[in-house]
N, C-alpha and C. Protein backbone atom coordinates (compact mmCIF):
# COMPACT_ATOMS: atom_id res chain seq x y z
N MET A 1 71.30 92.51 90.52
CA MET A 1 72.43 92.02 91.42
C MET A 1 73.62 93.15 90.86
N SER A 2 74.26 93.37 91.79
CA SER A 2 75.56 94.18 91.49
C SER A 2 76.51 93.33 90.99
N GLY A 3 77.54 93.97 90.32
CA GLY A 3 78.74 93.14 90.01
C GLY A 3 79.51 92.54 91.05
N GLN A 4 80.14 91.41 90.71
CA GLN A 4 80.94 90.87 91.68
C GLN A 4 82.17 90.98 91.12
N VAL A 5 83.35 90.93 92.24
CA VAL A 5 84.93 91.16 91.85
C VAL A 5 85.51 89.90 92.74
N ALA A 6 86.73 89.96 92.57
CA ALA A 6 87.73 89.07 93.16
C ALA A 6 88.25 89.39 94.60
N TRP A 7 87.30 89.47 95.43
CA TRP A 7 87.95 89.75 96.70
C TRP A 7 87.02 88.89 97.64
N ASP A 8 87.81 88.50 99.04
CA ASP A 8 87.35 87.50 99.99
C ASP A 8 86.50 88.06 100.86
N ALA A 9 86.27 87.37 101.90
CA ALA A 9 85.24 87.89 102.74
C ALA A 9 85.90 89.10 103.67
N ASP A 10 87.18 89.23 103.68
CA ASP A 10 87.67 90.30 104.38
C ASP A 10 88.24 91.58 103.46
N ARG A 11 87.61 91.48 102.22
CA ARG A 11 87.99 92.50 101.14
C ARG A 11 89.35 92.28 100.71
N ASN A 12 90.06 91.17 100.91
CA ASN A 12 91.53 91.05 100.32
C ASN A 12 91.35 90.49 99.01
N ILE A 13 92.11 91.40 97.98
CA ILE A 13 91.87 91.12 96.25
C ILE A 13 92.53 89.48 96.33
N VAL A 14 91.90 88.72 95.46
CA VAL A 14 92.68 87.25 95.30
C VAL A 14 92.82 87.37 93.86
N GLY A 15 93.99 86.97 93.54
CA GLY A 15 94.47 86.55 92.13
C GLY A 15 95.04 87.93 91.54
N ALA A 16 95.76 88.52 92.38
CA ALA A 16 96.36 89.85 91.88
C ALA A 16 97.07 89.63 90.68
N GLY A 17 96.77 90.22 89.71
CA GLY A 17 97.62 90.23 88.39
C GLY A 17 97.03 89.02 87.45
N ASP A 18 96.28 88.19 88.05
CA ASP A 18 95.90 86.83 87.29
C ASP A 18 94.31 87.16 86.96
N ILE A 19 94.12 87.28 85.49
CA ILE A 19 92.60 87.33 85.25
C ILE A 19 91.80 86.14 85.46
N GLY A 20 92.51 85.22 85.07
CA GLY A 20 91.74 83.81 85.14
C GLY A 20 91.13 83.40 86.56
N ARG A 21 92.33 83.84 87.62
CA ARG A 21 91.96 83.37 88.83
C ARG A 21 90.80 84.49 89.72
N GLN A 22 90.90 85.84 89.19
CA GLN A 22 90.15 86.83 89.58
C GLN A 22 88.81 86.36 88.94
N LEU A 23 88.90 85.99 87.68
CA LEU A 23 87.33 85.73 87.17
C LEU A 23 86.81 84.36 87.94
N GLU A 24 87.49 83.30 88.32
CA GLU A 24 87.17 82.22 89.08
C GLU A 24 86.29 82.78 90.42
N LYS A 25 87.31 83.70 91.24
CA LYS A 25 86.85 84.09 92.48
C LYS A 25 85.63 84.97 92.39
N SER A 26 85.50 85.81 91.29
CA SER A 26 84.43 86.62 91.23
C SER A 26 83.06 85.75 90.83
N LEU A 27 83.01 84.79 90.30
CA LEU A 27 82.28 83.63 89.87
C LEU A 27 81.79 82.80 91.44
N GLU A 28 82.92 82.74 91.98
CA GLU A 28 82.35 81.94 93.26
C GLU A 28 81.61 82.97 94.11
N ASN A 29 81.99 84.40 94.11
CA ASN A 29 81.21 85.40 94.96
C ASN A 29 79.81 85.26 94.24
N LEU A 30 79.60 85.48 93.02
CA LEU A 30 78.26 85.32 92.53
C LEU A 30 77.76 84.20 92.85
N ALA A 31 78.12 82.89 92.88
CA ALA A 31 77.31 81.78 93.11
C ALA A 31 76.88 81.90 94.73
N VAL A 32 77.63 82.64 95.59
CA VAL A 32 77.33 82.78 96.90
C VAL A 32 75.95 83.70 97.10
N ALA A 33 76.27 84.77 96.23
CA ALA A 33 75.14 85.86 96.17
C ALA A 33 73.87 85.16 95.63
N LEU A 34 73.94 84.49 94.58
CA LEU A 34 72.75 83.69 94.19
C LEU A 34 72.25 82.80 95.05
N ALA A 35 72.98 82.20 95.74
CA ALA A 35 72.47 81.12 96.79
C ALA A 35 71.79 81.81 97.77
N SER A 36 71.95 83.17 98.13
CA SER A 36 71.25 83.64 99.20
C SER A 36 69.64 84.24 98.67
N VAL A 37 69.27 83.91 97.43
CA VAL A 37 68.16 84.01 96.87
C VAL A 37 67.58 82.59 96.37
N GLY A 38 68.21 81.62 96.76
CA GLY A 38 67.72 80.22 96.16
C GLY A 38 68.01 79.93 94.75
N ALA A 39 69.12 80.63 94.32
CA ALA A 39 69.52 80.55 92.62
C ALA A 39 70.89 79.75 92.78
N THR A 40 71.16 79.38 91.67
CA THR A 40 72.34 78.69 91.27
C THR A 40 73.21 79.47 90.05
N LEU A 41 74.45 78.90 89.75
CA LEU A 41 74.70 79.66 88.42
C LEU A 41 74.19 78.94 87.39
N ASP A 42 73.59 77.89 87.48
CA ASP A 42 72.74 77.38 86.42
C ASP A 42 71.48 78.21 86.06
N ASP A 43 71.03 79.08 86.85
CA ASP A 43 70.10 80.01 86.61
C ASP A 43 70.41 81.33 86.18
N VAL A 44 71.52 81.44 85.70
CA VAL A 44 72.29 82.62 85.11
C VAL A 44 72.05 82.41 83.54
N GLY A 45 71.25 83.40 83.06
CA GLY A 45 71.04 83.43 81.41
C GLY A 45 72.11 83.99 80.41
N SER A 46 72.59 85.13 81.18
CA SER A 46 73.54 85.94 80.44
C SER A 46 74.48 86.69 81.38
N LEU A 47 75.61 86.77 80.84
CA LEU A 47 76.76 87.76 81.74
C LEU A 47 77.03 88.92 80.99
N ARG A 48 77.54 90.06 81.90
CA ARG A 48 78.28 91.07 81.52
C ARG A 48 79.53 90.93 82.08
N LEU A 49 80.63 91.13 81.57
CA LEU A 49 82.01 90.89 81.90
C LEU A 49 82.77 92.18 81.53
N TYR A 50 82.99 93.13 82.87
CA TYR A 50 83.78 94.42 82.50
C TYR A 50 85.22 94.06 82.57
N ILE A 51 85.95 94.09 81.75
CA ILE A 51 87.35 93.71 81.71
C ILE A 51 88.35 94.66 81.52
N LYS A 52 89.43 94.92 82.50
CA LYS A 52 90.35 95.96 82.07
C LYS A 52 91.00 95.88 80.67
N LEU A 53 91.15 97.00 80.29
CA LEU A 53 91.46 96.98 78.75
C LEU A 53 92.89 96.40 78.70
N SER A 54 93.94 96.46 79.40
CA SER A 54 95.16 95.98 79.57
C SER A 54 94.93 94.47 79.63
N HIS A 55 93.81 93.89 79.91
CA HIS A 55 93.85 92.40 79.72
C HIS A 55 92.69 91.82 79.05
N MET A 56 92.24 92.42 77.97
CA MET A 56 91.37 91.96 77.06
C MET A 56 91.69 90.84 76.13
N HIS A 57 93.12 91.10 76.09
CA HIS A 57 93.62 89.89 74.97
C HIS A 57 93.94 88.41 75.83
N GLU A 58 93.54 88.36 77.09
CA GLU A 58 93.64 87.00 77.89
C GLU A 58 92.25 86.25 77.63
N SER A 59 91.88 86.18 76.55
CA SER A 59 90.59 85.43 76.43
C SER A 59 90.79 83.99 76.77
N GLY A 60 91.85 83.36 76.58
CA GLY A 60 91.99 82.08 76.91
C GLY A 60 91.61 81.98 78.43
N ALA A 61 92.22 82.43 79.36
CA ALA A 61 91.98 82.51 80.61
C ALA A 61 90.56 82.73 81.02
N ILE A 62 89.91 83.76 80.43
CA ILE A 62 88.27 83.98 80.79
C ILE A 62 87.66 82.97 80.28
N THR A 63 88.11 82.52 79.10
CA THR A 63 87.29 81.24 78.51
C THR A 63 87.29 79.88 79.60
N THR A 64 88.67 79.75 79.91
CA THR A 64 88.91 78.65 80.98
C THR A 64 88.06 78.62 82.10
N ALA A 65 88.19 79.96 82.70
CA ALA A 65 87.33 80.15 83.91
C ALA A 65 85.79 80.11 83.79
N LEU A 66 85.33 80.60 82.83
CA LEU A 66 83.94 80.16 82.35
C LEU A 66 83.22 78.98 82.43
N ARG A 67 84.34 78.21 81.73
CA ARG A 67 83.91 76.62 81.42
C ARG A 67 84.18 75.92 82.92
N ALA A 68 84.82 76.41 83.67
CA ALA A 68 85.38 75.59 84.95
C ALA A 68 83.97 75.92 85.66
N ALA A 69 83.41 77.06 85.81
CA ALA A 69 82.34 77.27 86.58
C ALA A 69 80.91 76.85 86.12
N PHE A 70 80.61 77.17 84.50
CA PHE A 70 79.51 76.54 84.02
C PHE A 70 79.44 75.24 83.01
N GLY A 71 80.79 74.74 82.91
CA GLY A 71 80.79 73.69 82.12
C GLY A 71 80.92 74.09 80.51
N GLU A 72 80.64 73.20 79.71
CA GLU A 72 80.89 73.40 78.15
C GLU A 72 79.93 74.40 77.54
N ASN A 73 78.90 74.48 78.38
CA ASN A 73 77.86 75.67 77.74
C ASN A 73 77.47 76.76 78.76
N PRO A 74 78.58 77.73 78.98
CA PRO A 74 78.19 78.79 79.81
C PRO A 74 77.30 79.74 79.16
N PRO A 75 76.82 80.75 79.88
CA PRO A 75 75.64 81.50 79.37
C PRO A 75 76.51 82.36 78.37
N CYS A 76 75.62 83.18 77.57
CA CYS A 76 76.12 84.04 76.66
C CYS A 76 76.77 85.07 77.65
N ALA A 77 77.77 85.84 76.89
CA ALA A 77 78.42 86.79 77.70
C ALA A 77 78.92 88.00 77.03
N THR A 78 78.78 89.09 77.50
CA THR A 78 79.37 90.44 76.77
C THR A 78 80.54 90.86 77.52
N TRP A 79 81.45 90.76 76.59
CA TRP A 79 82.61 91.42 77.21
C TRP A 79 82.96 93.08 76.99
N ILE A 80 83.04 93.61 77.91
CA ILE A 80 83.23 95.17 77.91
C ILE A 80 84.61 95.70 78.32
N GLY A 81 85.28 96.10 77.30
CA GLY A 81 86.61 96.60 77.72
C GLY A 81 86.40 97.90 78.59
N VAL A 82 87.07 98.05 79.77
CA VAL A 82 86.75 99.33 80.40
C VAL A 82 88.39 99.93 80.99
N PRO A 83 88.58 101.43 80.96
CA PRO A 83 89.74 101.78 81.36
C PRO A 83 90.41 101.32 82.79
N SER A 84 89.15 101.27 83.71
CA SER A 84 89.55 100.85 84.98
C SER A 84 88.27 100.48 85.75
N LEU A 85 88.46 99.78 86.97
CA LEU A 85 87.47 99.11 87.83
C LEU A 85 87.49 99.76 89.08
N ALA A 86 86.86 99.71 90.21
CA ALA A 86 86.62 100.24 91.40
C ALA A 86 88.01 100.30 92.24
N ASN A 87 88.85 99.45 92.06
CA ASN A 87 89.98 99.22 92.72
C ASN A 87 90.91 98.90 91.44
N ASP A 88 92.18 99.67 91.26
CA ASP A 88 92.90 99.33 90.10
C ASP A 88 93.44 97.78 90.04
N ALA A 89 93.48 97.12 91.28
CA ALA A 89 93.99 95.80 91.08
C ALA A 89 92.82 94.60 90.47
N PHE A 90 91.65 95.14 90.39
CA PHE A 90 90.54 94.44 89.85
C PHE A 90 91.10 94.47 88.28
N LEU A 91 90.90 93.19 87.73
CA LEU A 91 91.09 93.22 86.20
C LEU A 91 89.73 92.58 85.67
N ILE A 92 88.77 92.41 86.50
CA ILE A 92 87.63 91.84 85.83
C ILE A 92 86.35 91.89 86.99
N GLU A 93 85.12 92.28 86.42
CA GLU A 93 83.76 92.39 86.97
C GLU A 93 82.64 91.44 86.49
N VAL A 94 82.16 90.71 87.07
CA VAL A 94 81.08 89.86 86.47
C VAL A 94 79.57 90.31 87.03
N GLU A 95 78.75 90.60 86.10
CA GLU A 95 77.44 91.06 86.40
C GLU A 95 76.22 90.09 85.64
N PRO A 96 75.57 89.49 86.51
CA PRO A 96 74.67 88.66 85.77
C PRO A 96 73.57 89.43 85.18
N SER A 97 73.27 89.49 83.67
CA SER A 97 72.33 90.27 83.03
C SER A 97 70.92 89.75 83.16
N ASN A 98 70.64 88.20 83.27
CA ASN A 98 69.59 87.42 83.43
C ASN A 98 69.61 86.39 84.37
N VAL A 99 69.03 86.33 85.20
CA VAL A 99 68.57 85.20 86.06
C VAL A 99 67.34 84.66 85.97
N PHE A 100 67.27 83.53 85.89
CA PHE A 100 65.85 82.69 86.01
C PHE A 100 65.44 82.04 87.22
N LEU A 101 64.43 82.54 87.77
CA LEU A 101 64.09 81.79 89.07
C LEU A 101 62.77 81.10 88.65
N ALA A 102 62.46 79.62 89.26
CA ALA A 102 61.31 79.24 89.11
C ALA A 102 59.92 80.23 89.74
N ARG A 103 58.97 80.24 89.35
CA ARG A 103 57.90 81.19 89.99
C ARG A 103 57.47 79.94 90.88
N LYS A 104 56.93 80.48 92.07
CA LYS A 104 56.17 79.80 93.21
C LYS A 104 54.74 80.12 93.34
């Protein structure tokens, strides 16, 4: 699955300048993508978070958004600082590394 960013169905950026809100929207988008294949956020085993270097210090907002989506035991996450993302207004991109689906 490709990375998920903070845009809505019309490709408007949600949470400009707010990494916490952008992560919330990115995780909402991830949940929608997972649902399309019969999975949920509970099936995510790990994440890669691509974080704009200028916002790496905002760990509190990032942790809060992760806990809001996953509860007190979010999946392990690798935080990778990057100089930029696909759009300069994006502060974070979320990519699930492992998704566990039940075999049928």
